Amino acid sequence: MPRVIRPWWTLALVASLLVAGCGTGQDKQWYKPSGNYTVTEFARDRDACTKNRELDEQCLKQRGWLPLTSDREPAPPPKPPPSRGRY
């Protein structure tokens, strides 16, 4: 019986590591408010602002790109309103 259970534990461990690995890091989208631009233009600027596999966001901002997504953490969910009366 232990041989049947062991593959399930291995599968569960691998699945949890994959989910944890995909959840790290925050993806940002960038845009240029000055008008039309192409993917090639962004790729050129992104490559020029990447050093040691790290994107220098200040470099992109100096080239006119702005982050479309927020840098802040998501707000906590609102608290439910207090109940009125007794049930």
PDB file of N, CA and C in Angstrom:
ATOM      1  N   MET A   1       0.798  -1.203   0.000  1.00  0.00           N
ATOM      2  CA  MET A   1       0.000   0.000   0.000  1.00  0.00           C
ATOM      3  C   MET A   1       0.846   1.275   0.000  1.00  0.00           C
ATOM      4  N   PRO A   2       1.982   1.337   0.706  1.00  0.00           N
ATOM      5  CA  PRO A   2       2.790   2.551   0.696  1.00  0.00           C
ATOM      6  C   PRO A   2       3.292   2.925  -0.701  1.00  0.00           C
ATOM      7  N   ARG A   3       3.497   1.964  -1.577  1.00  0.00           N
ATOM      8  CA  ARG A   3       3.980   2.276  -2.920  1.00  0.00           C
ATOM      9  C   ARG A   3       2.926   3.018  -3.728  1.00  0.00           C
ATOM     10  N   VAL A   4       1.668   2.800  -3.465  1.00  0.00           N
ATOM     11  CA  VAL A   4       0.591   3.489  -4.186  1.00  0.00           C
ATOM     12  C   VAL A   4       0.486   4.938  -3.724  1.00  0.00           C
ATOM     13  N   ILE A   5       0.684   5.182  -2.446  1.00  0.00           N
ATOM     14  CA  ILE A   5       0.532   6.533  -1.896  1.00  0.00           C
ATOM     15  C   ILE A   5       1.720   7.422  -2.274  1.00  0.00           C
ATOM     16  N   ARG A   6       2.903   6.871  -2.354  1.00  0.00           N
ATOM     17  CA  ARG A   6       4.108   7.665  -2.607  1.00  0.00           C
ATOM     18  C   ARG A   6       4.020   8.496  -3.892  1.00  0.00           C
ATOM     19  N   PRO A   7       3.569   7.970  -5.037  1.00  0.00           N
ATOM     20  CA  PRO A   7       3.489   8.824  -6.231  1.00  0.00           C
ATOM     21  C   PRO A   7       2.536  10.009  -6.062  1.00  0.00           C
ATOM     22  N   TRP A   8       1.483   9.837  -5.284  1.00  0.00           N
ATOM     23  CA  TRP A   8       0.558  10.957  -5.070  1.00  0.00           C
ATOM     24  C   TRP A   8       1.212  12.069  -4.278  1.00  0.00           C
ATOM     25  N   TRP A   9       2.023  11.704  -3.277  1.00  0.00           N
ATOM     26  CA  TRP A   9       2.725  12.730  -2.510  1.00  0.00           C
ATOM     27  C   TRP A   9       3.740  13.465  -3.388  1.00  0.00           C
ATOM     28  N   THR A  10       4.412  12.742  -4.232  1.00  0.00           N
ATOM     29  CA  THR A  10       5.373  13.357  -5.148  1.00  0.00           C
ATOM     30  C   THR A  10       4.668  14.292  -6.111  1.00  0.00           C
ATOM     31  N   LEU A  11       3.553  13.857  -6.648  1.00  0.00           N
ATOM     32  CA  LEU A  11       2.788  14.697  -7.560  1.00  0.00           C
ATOM     33  C   LEU A  11       2.279  15.951  -6.863  1.00  0.00           C
ATOM     34  N   ALA A  12       1.801  15.810  -5.629  1.00  0.00           N
ATOM     35  CA  ALA A  12       1.314  16.961  -4.870  1.00  0.00           C
ATOM     36  C   ALA A  12       2.444  17.946  -4.586  1.00  0.00           C
ATOM     37  N   LEU A  13       3.615  17.439  -4.258  1.00  0.00           N
ATOM     38  CA  LEU A  13       4.762  18.304  -3.990  1.00  0.00           C
ATOM     39  C   LEU A  13       5.182  19.068  -5.244  1.00  0.00           C
ATOM     40  N   VAL A  14       5.270  18.382  -6.359  1.00  0.00           N
ATOM     41  CA  VAL A  14       5.659  19.030  -7.620  1.00  0.00           C
ATOM     42  C   VAL A  14       4.627  20.080  -8.023  1.00  0.00           C
ATOM     43  N   ALA A  15       3.351  19.759  -7.885  1.00  0.00           N
ATOM     44  CA  ALA A  15       2.295  20.712  -8.252  1.00  0.00           C
ATOM     45  C   ALA A  15       2.353  21.953  -7.371  1.00  0.00           C
ATOM     46  N   SER A  16       2.577  21.781  -6.074  1.00  0.00           N
ATOM     47  CA  SER A  16       2.636  22.945  -5.189  1.00  0.00           C
ATOM     48  C   SER A  16       3.860  23.807  -5.487  1.00  0.00           C
ATOM     49  N   LEU A  17       4.979  23.192  -5.838  1.00  0.00           N
ATOM     50  CA  LEU A  17       6.163  23.977  -6.199  1.00  0.00           C
ATOM     51  C   LEU A  17       5.945  24.760  -7.495  1.00  0.00           C
ATOM     52  N   LEU A  18       5.256  24.147  -8.446  1.00  0.00           N
ATOM     53  CA  LEU A  18       4.962  24.857  -9.693  1.00  0.00           C
ATOM     54  C   LEU A  18       4.056  26.055  -9.454  1.00  0.00           C
ATOM     55  N   VAL A  19       3.042  25.878  -8.631  1.00  0.00           N
ATOM     56  CA  VAL A  19       2.128  26.976  -8.335  1.00  0.00           C
ATOM     57  C   VAL A  19       2.859  28.086  -7.592  1.00  0.00           C
ATOM     58  N   ALA A  20       3.689  27.733  -6.643  1.00  0.00           N
ATOM     59  CA  ALA A  20       4.445  28.737  -5.894  1.00  0.00           C
ATOM     60  C   ALA A  20       5.428  29.466  -6.796  1.00  0.00           C
ATOM     61  N   GLY A  21       6.047  28.771  -7.713  1.00  0.00           N
ATOM     62  CA  GLY A  21       7.009  29.402  -8.622  1.00  0.00           C
ATOM     63  C   GLY A  21       6.353  30.347  -9.598  1.00  0.00           C
ATOM     64  N   CYS A  22       5.155  30.039 -10.027  1.00  0.00           N
ATOM     65  CA  CYS A  22       4.449  30.908 -10.964  1.00  0.00           C
ATOM     66  C   CYS A  22       3.889  32.149 -10.291  1.00  0.00           C
ATOM     67  N   GLY A  23       3.693  32.103  -9.000  1.00  0.00           N
ATOM     68  CA  GLY A  23       3.100  33.228  -8.292  1.00  0.00           C
ATOM     69  C   GLY A  23       4.100  34.290  -7.888  1.00  0.00           C
ATOM     70  N   THR A  24       5.381  34.027  -8.011  1.00  0.00           N
ATOM     71  CA  THR A  24       6.367  35.022  -7.608  1.00  0.00           C
ATOM     72  C   THR A  24       6.576  36.021  -8.732  1.00  0.00           C
ATOM     73  N   GLY A  25       6.885  37.221  -8.364  1.00  0.00           N
ATOM     74  CA  GLY A  25       7.142  38.245  -9.364  1.00  0.00           C
ATOM     75  C   GLY A  25       5.869  38.917  -9.832  1.00  0.00           C
ATOM     76  N   GLN A  26       6.001  40.165 -10.128  1.00  0.00           N
ATOM     77  CA  GLN A  26       4.855  40.954 -10.540  1.00  0.00           C
ATOM     78  C   GLN A  26       5.071  41.388 -11.985  1.00  0.00           C
ATOM     79  N   ASP A  27       4.176  40.988 -12.856  1.00  0.00           N
ATOM     80  CA  ASP A  27       4.270  41.390 -14.245  1.00  0.00           C
ATOM     81  C   ASP A  27       3.757  42.808 -14.399  1.00  0.00           C
ATOM     82  N   LYS A  28       4.463  43.579 -15.200  1.00  0.00           N
ATOM     83  CA  LYS A  28       4.036  44.946 -15.476  1.00  0.00           C
ATOM     84  C   LYS A  28       3.830  45.099 -16.965  1.00  0.00           C
ATOM     85  N   GLN A  29       2.881  45.916 -17.286  1.00  0.00           N
ATOM     86  CA  GLN A  29       2.666  46.296 -18.670  1.00  0.00           C
ATOM     87  C   GLN A  29       3.092  47.751 -18.804  1.00  0.00           C
ATOM     88  N   TRP A  30       3.673  48.062 -19.931  1.00  0.00           N
ATOM     89  CA  TRP A  30       4.188  49.402 -20.157  1.00  0.00           C
ATOM     90  C   TRP A  30       3.516  50.006 -21.380  1.00  0.00           C
ATOM     91  N   TYR A  31       3.348  51.323 -21.359  1.00  0.00           N
ATOM     92  CA  TYR A  31       2.799  52.028 -22.514  1.00  0.00           C
ATOM     93  C   TYR A  31       3.448  53.397 -22.617  1.00  0.00           C
ATOM     94  N   LYS A  32       3.334  53.964 -23.796  1.00  0.00           N
ATOM     95  CA  LYS A  32       3.866  55.296 -24.050  1.00  0.00           C
ATOM     96  C   LYS A  32       2.677  56.221 -24.320  1.00  0.00           C
ATOM     97  N   PRO A  33       2.430  57.179 -23.442  1.00  0.00           N
ATOM     98  CA  PRO A  33       1.262  58.030 -23.628  1.00  0.00           C
ATOM     99  C   PRO A  33       1.410  59.027 -24.775  1.00  0.00           C
ATOM    100  N   SER A  34       2.586  59.119 -25.354  1.00  0.00           N
ATOM    101  CA  SER A  34       2.820  60.116 -26.396  1.00  0.00           C
ATOM    102  C   SER A  34       2.171  59.768 -27.730  1.00  0.00           C
ATOM    103  N   GLY A  35       1.690  58.552 -27.891  1.00  0.00           N
ATOM    104  CA  GLY A  35       1.048  58.202 -29.158  1.00  0.00           C
ATOM    105  C   GLY A  35       1.276  56.768 -29.546  1.00  0.00           C
ATOM    106  N   ASN A  36       1.323  56.537 -30.841  1.00  0.00           N
ATOM    107  CA  ASN A  36       1.468  55.176 -31.346  1.00  0.00           C
ATOM    108  C   ASN A  36       2.907  54.696 -31.192  1.00  0.00           C
ATOM    109  N   TYR A  37       3.032  53.420 -30.933  1.00  0.00           N
ATOM    110  CA  TYR A  37       4.343  52.783 -30.845  1.00  0.00           C
ATOM    111  C   TYR A  37       4.175  51.336 -31.264  1.00  0.00           C
ATOM    112  N   THR A  38       5.277  50.719 -31.584  1.00  0.00           N
ATOM    113  CA  THR A  38       5.234  49.325 -32.033  1.00  0.00           C
ATOM    114  C   THR A  38       5.875  48.421 -30.989  1.00  0.00           C
ATOM    115  N   VAL A  39       5.622  47.144 -31.119  1.00  0.00           N
ATOM    116  CA  VAL A  39       6.239  46.158 -30.236  1.00  0.00           C
ATOM    117  C   VAL A  39       7.749  46.187 -30.402  1.00  0.00           C
ATOM    118  N   THR A  40       8.190  46.440 -31.620  1.00  0.00           N
ATOM    119  CA  THR A  40       9.625  46.507 -31.892  1.00  0.00           C
ATOM    120  C   THR A  40      10.269  47.658 -31.124  1.00  0.00           C
ATOM    121  N   GLU A  41       9.586  48.806 -31.063  1.00  0.00           N
ATOM    122  CA  GLU A  41      10.125  49.941 -30.309  1.00  0.00           C
ATOM    123  C   GLU A  41      10.252  49.603 -28.828  1.00  0.00           C
ATOM    124  N   PHE A  42       9.219  48.966 -28.272  1.00  0.00           N
ATOM    125  CA  PHE A  42       9.289  48.599 -26.860  1.00  0.00           C
ATOM    126  C   PHE A  42      10.390  47.575 -26.627  1.00  0.00           C
ATOM    127  N   ALA A  43      10.493  46.575 -27.485  1.00  0.00           N
ATOM    128  CA  ALA A  43      11.523  45.548 -27.326  1.00  0.00           C
ATOM    129  C   ALA A  43      12.914  46.166 -27.374  1.00  0.00           C
ATOM    130  N   ARG A  44      13.109  47.129 -28.260  1.00  0.00           N
ATOM    131  CA  ARG A  44      14.413  47.806 -28.356  1.00  0.00           C
ATOM    132  C   ARG A  44      14.728  48.534 -27.055  1.00  0.00           C
ATOM    133  N   ASP A  45      13.757  49.294 -26.530  1.00  0.00           N
ATOM    134  CA  ASP A  45      13.986  50.033 -25.287  1.00  0.00           C
ATOM    135  C   ASP A  45      14.138  49.091 -24.094  1.00  0.00           C
ATOM    136  N   ARG A  46      13.332  48.023 -24.062  1.00  0.00           N
ATOM    137  CA  ARG A  46      13.430  47.054 -22.970  1.00  0.00           C
ATOM    138  C   ARG A  46      14.802  46.391 -22.965  1.00  0.00           C
ATOM    139  N   ASP A  47      15.289  46.010 -24.133  1.00  0.00           N
ATOM    140  CA  ASP A  47      16.607  45.376 -24.219  1.00  0.00           C
ATOM    141  C   ASP A  47      17.714  46.343 -23.823  1.00  0.00           C
ATOM    142  N   ALA A  48      17.572  47.611 -24.198  1.00  0.00           N
ATOM    143  CA  ALA A  48      18.586  48.601 -23.845  1.00  0.00           C
ATOM    144  C   ALA A  48      18.596  48.877 -22.338  1.00  0.00           C
ATOM    145  N   CYS A  49      17.449  48.705 -21.684  1.00  0.00           N
ATOM    146  CA  CYS A  49      17.341  48.993 -20.250  1.00  0.00           C
ATOM    147  C   CYS A  49      17.512  47.752 -19.380  1.00  0.00           C
ATOM    148  N   THR A  50      17.846  46.618 -19.975  1.00  0.00           N
ATOM    149  CA  THR A  50      18.051  45.395 -19.214  1.00  0.00           C
ATOM    150  C   THR A  50      19.545  45.161 -19.049  1.00  0.00           C
ATOM    151  N   LYS A  51      19.948  45.060 -17.783  1.00  0.00           N
ATOM    152  CA  LYS A  51      21.348  44.809 -17.465  1.00  0.00           C
ATOM    153  C   LYS A  51      21.404  43.681 -16.452  1.00  0.00           C
ATOM    154  N   ASN A  52      22.209  42.671 -16.715  1.00  0.00           N
ATOM    155  CA  ASN A  52      22.342  41.501 -15.837  1.00  0.00           C
ATOM    156  C   ASN A  52      20.989  40.847 -15.582  1.00  0.00           C
ATOM    157  N   ARG A  53      20.191  40.749 -16.619  1.00  0.00           N
ATOM    158  CA  ARG A  53      18.859  40.114 -16.576  1.00  0.00           C
ATOM    159  C   ARG A  53      17.880  40.829 -15.654  1.00  0.00           C
ATOM    160  N   GLU A  54      18.157  42.079 -15.310  1.00  0.00           N
ATOM    161  CA  GLU A  54      17.269  42.888 -14.477  1.00  0.00           C
ATOM    162  C   GLU A  54      16.823  44.103 -15.287  1.00  0.00           C
ATOM    163  N   LEU A  55      15.521  44.342 -15.315  1.00  0.00           N
ATOM    164  CA  LEU A  55      14.985  45.486 -16.033  1.00  0.00           C
ATOM    165  C   LEU A  55      15.118  46.727 -15.173  1.00  0.00           C
ATOM    166  N   ASP A  56      15.761  47.751 -15.707  1.00  0.00           N
ATOM    167  CA  ASP A  56      15.898  49.033 -15.016  1.00  0.00           C
ATOM    168  C   ASP A  56      14.675  49.872 -15.358  1.00  0.00           C
ATOM    169  N   GLU A  57      13.720  49.933 -14.422  1.00  0.00           N
ATOM    170  CA  GLU A  57      12.473  50.636 -14.688  1.00  0.00           C
ATOM    171  C   GLU A  57      12.682  52.133 -14.870  1.00  0.00           C
ATOM    172  N   GLN A  58      13.642  52.707 -14.163  1.00  0.00           N
ATOM    173  CA  GLN A  58      13.916  54.138 -14.315  1.00  0.00           C
ATOM    174  C   GLN A  58      14.387  54.447 -15.734  1.00  0.00           C
ATOM    175  N   CYS A  59      15.148  53.539 -16.310  1.00  0.00           N
ATOM    176  CA  CYS A  59      15.609  53.710 -17.683  1.00  0.00           C
ATOM    177  C   CYS A  59      14.418  53.746 -18.640  1.00  0.00           C
ATOM    178  N   LEU A  60      13.468  52.821 -18.451  1.00  0.00           N
ATOM    179  CA  LEU A  60      12.277  52.821 -19.312  1.00  0.00           C
ATOM    180  C   LEU A  60      11.476  54.100 -19.131  1.00  0.00           C
ATOM    181  N   LYS A  61      11.356  54.557 -17.897  1.00  0.00           N
ATOM    182  CA  LYS A  61      10.606  55.798 -17.639  1.00  0.00           C
ATOM    183  C   LYS A  61      11.287  56.988 -18.301  1.00  0.00           C
ATOM    184  N   GLN A  62      12.626  57.006 -18.308  1.00  0.00           N
ATOM    185  CA  GLN A  62      13.352  58.096 -18.957  1.00  0.00           C
ATOM    186  C   GLN A  62      13.140  58.085 -20.466  1.00  0.00           C
ATOM    187  N   ARG A  63      12.854  56.917 -21.017  1.00  0.00           N
ATOM    188  CA  ARG A  63      12.597  56.807 -22.457  1.00  0.00           C
ATOM    189  C   ARG A  63      11.133  57.069 -22.798  1.00  0.00           C
ATOM    190  N   GLY A  64      10.331  57.430 -21.797  1.00  0.00           N
ATOM    191  CA  GLY A  64       8.942  57.814 -22.046  1.00  0.00           C
ATOM    192  C   GLY A  64       7.910  56.742 -21.763  1.00  0.00           C
ATOM    193  N   TRP A  65       8.319  55.590 -21.246  1.00  0.00           N
ATOM    194  CA  TRP A  65       7.383  54.506 -20.954  1.00  0.00           C
ATOM    195  C   TRP A  65       6.855  54.645 -19.539  1.00  0.00           C
ATOM    196  N   LEU A  66       5.585  54.348 -19.356  1.00  0.00           N
ATOM    197  CA  LEU A  66       4.961  54.387 -18.035  1.00  0.00           C
ATOM    198  C   LEU A  66       4.364  53.022 -17.726  1.00  0.00           C
ATOM    199  N   PRO A  67       4.443  52.599 -16.462  1.00  0.00           N
ATOM    200  CA  PRO A  67       3.828  51.312 -16.112  1.00  0.00           C
ATOM    201  C   PRO A  67       2.311  51.430 -16.123  1.00  0.00           C
ATOM    202  N   LEU A  68       1.671  50.475 -16.744  1.00  0.00           N
ATOM    203  CA  LEU A  68       0.215  50.475 -16.808  1.00  0.00           C
ATOM    204  C   LEU A  68      -0.367  49.879 -15.541  1.00  0.00           C
ATOM    205  N   THR A  69       0.339  48.931 -14.928  1.00  0.00           N
ATOM    206  CA  THR A  69      -0.122  48.321 -13.701  1.00  0.00           C
ATOM    207  C   THR A  69       0.437  49.078 -12.512  1.00  0.00           C
ATOM    208  N   SER A  70      -0.235  48.967 -11.422  1.00  0.00           N
ATOM    209  CA  SER A  70       0.139  49.702 -10.229  1.00  0.00           C
ATOM    210  C   SER A  70       1.344  49.080  -9.543  1.00  0.00           C
ATOM    211  N   ASP A  71       2.166  49.909  -8.919  1.00  0.00           N
ATOM    212  CA  ASP A  71       3.297  49.431  -8.138  1.00  0.00           C
ATOM    213  C   ASP A  71       2.869  49.068  -6.717  1.00  0.00           C
ATOM    214  N   ARG A  72       1.668  49.474  -6.338  1.00  0.00           N
ATOM    215  CA  ARG A  72       1.205  49.239  -4.976  1.00  0.00           C
ATOM    216  C   ARG A  72       0.613  47.846  -4.836  1.00  0.00           C
ATOM    217  N   GLU A  73       0.604  47.383  -3.602  1.00  0.00           N
ATOM    218  CA  GLU A  73      -0.029  46.107  -3.287  1.00  0.00           C
ATOM    219  C   GLU A  73      -1.539  46.273  -3.402  1.00  0.00           C
ATOM    220  N   PRO A  74      -2.272  45.222  -3.740  1.00  0.00           N
ATOM    221  CA  PRO A  74      -3.719  45.330  -3.814  1.00  0.00           C
ATOM    222  C   PRO A  74      -4.313  45.677  -2.454  1.00  0.00           C
ATOM    223  N   ALA A  75      -5.382  46.448  -2.479  1.00  0.00           N
ATOM    224  CA  ALA A  75      -6.044  46.861  -1.246  1.00  0.00           C
ATOM    225  C   ALA A  75      -6.741  45.652  -0.615  1.00  0.00           C
ATOM    226  N   PRO A  76      -6.796  45.632   0.709  1.00  0.00           N
ATOM    227  CA  PRO A  76      -7.497  44.519   1.354  1.00  0.00           C
ATOM    228  C   PRO A  76      -8.993  44.594   1.055  1.00  0.00           C
ATOM    229  N   PRO A  77      -9.689  43.462   1.085  1.00  0.00           N
ATOM    230  CA  PRO A  77     -11.125  43.501   0.797  1.00  0.00           C
ATOM    231  C   PRO A  77     -11.861  44.295   1.868  1.00  0.00           C
ATOM    232  N   PRO A  78     -12.959  44.956   1.496  1.00  0.00           N
ATOM    233  CA  PRO A  78     -13.691  45.759   2.484  1.00  0.00           C
ATOM    234  C   PRO A  78     -14.320  44.867   3.555  1.00  0.00           C
ATOM    235  N   LYS A  79     -14.455  45.435   4.741  1.00  0.00           N
ATOM    236  CA  LYS A  79     -15.072  44.700   5.836  1.00  0.00           C
ATOM    237  C   LYS A  79     -16.576  44.650   5.613  1.00  0.00           C
ATOM    238  N   PRO A  80     -17.216  43.563   5.980  1.00  0.00           N
ATOM    239  CA  PRO A  80     -18.671  43.507   5.824  1.00  0.00           C
ATOM    240  C   PRO A  80     -19.340  44.487   6.780  1.00  0.00           C
ATOM    241  N   PRO A  81     -20.485  45.032   6.375  1.00  0.00           N
ATOM    242  CA  PRO A  81     -21.151  45.994   7.264  1.00  0.00           C
ATOM    243  C   PRO A  81     -21.638  45.285   8.532  1.00  0.00           C
ATOM    244  N   PRO A  82     -21.684  46.019   9.628  1.00  0.00           N
ATOM    245  CA  PRO A  82     -22.151  45.389  10.864  1.00  0.00           C
ATOM    246  C   PRO A  82     -23.614  44.965  10.737  1.00  0.00           C
ATOM    247  N   SER A  83     -23.936  43.886  11.387  1.00  0.00           N
ATOM    248  CA  SER A  83     -25.320  43.398  11.314  1.00  0.00           C
ATOM    249  C   SER A  83     -26.232  44.276  12.151  1.00  0.00           C
ATOM    250  N   ARG A  84     -27.449  44.395  11.685  1.00  0.00           N
ATOM    251  CA  ARG A  84     -28.438  45.205  12.424  1.00  0.00           C
ATOM    252  C   ARG A  84     -29.399  44.265  13.144  1.00  0.00           C
ATOM    253  N   GLY A  85     -29.460  44.435  14.416  1.00  0.00           N
ATOM    254  CA  GLY A  85     -30.397  43.642  15.186  1.00  0.00           C
ATOM    255  C   GLY A  85     -29.884  42.242  15.453  1.00  0.00           C
ATOM    256  N   ARG A  86     -30.700  41.488  16.146  1.00  0.00           N
ATOM    257  CA  ARG A  86     -30.340  40.131  16.512  1.00  0.00           C
ATOM    258  C   ARG A  86     -31.174  39.160  15.708  1.00  0.00           C
ATOM    259  N   TYR A  87     -30.607  38.008  15.434  1.00  0.00           N
ATOM    260  CA  TYR A  87     -31.338  36.984  14.701  1.00  0.00           C
ATOM    261  C   TYR A  87     -31.710  35.863  15.599  1.00  0.00           C
TER     262      TYR A  87
END
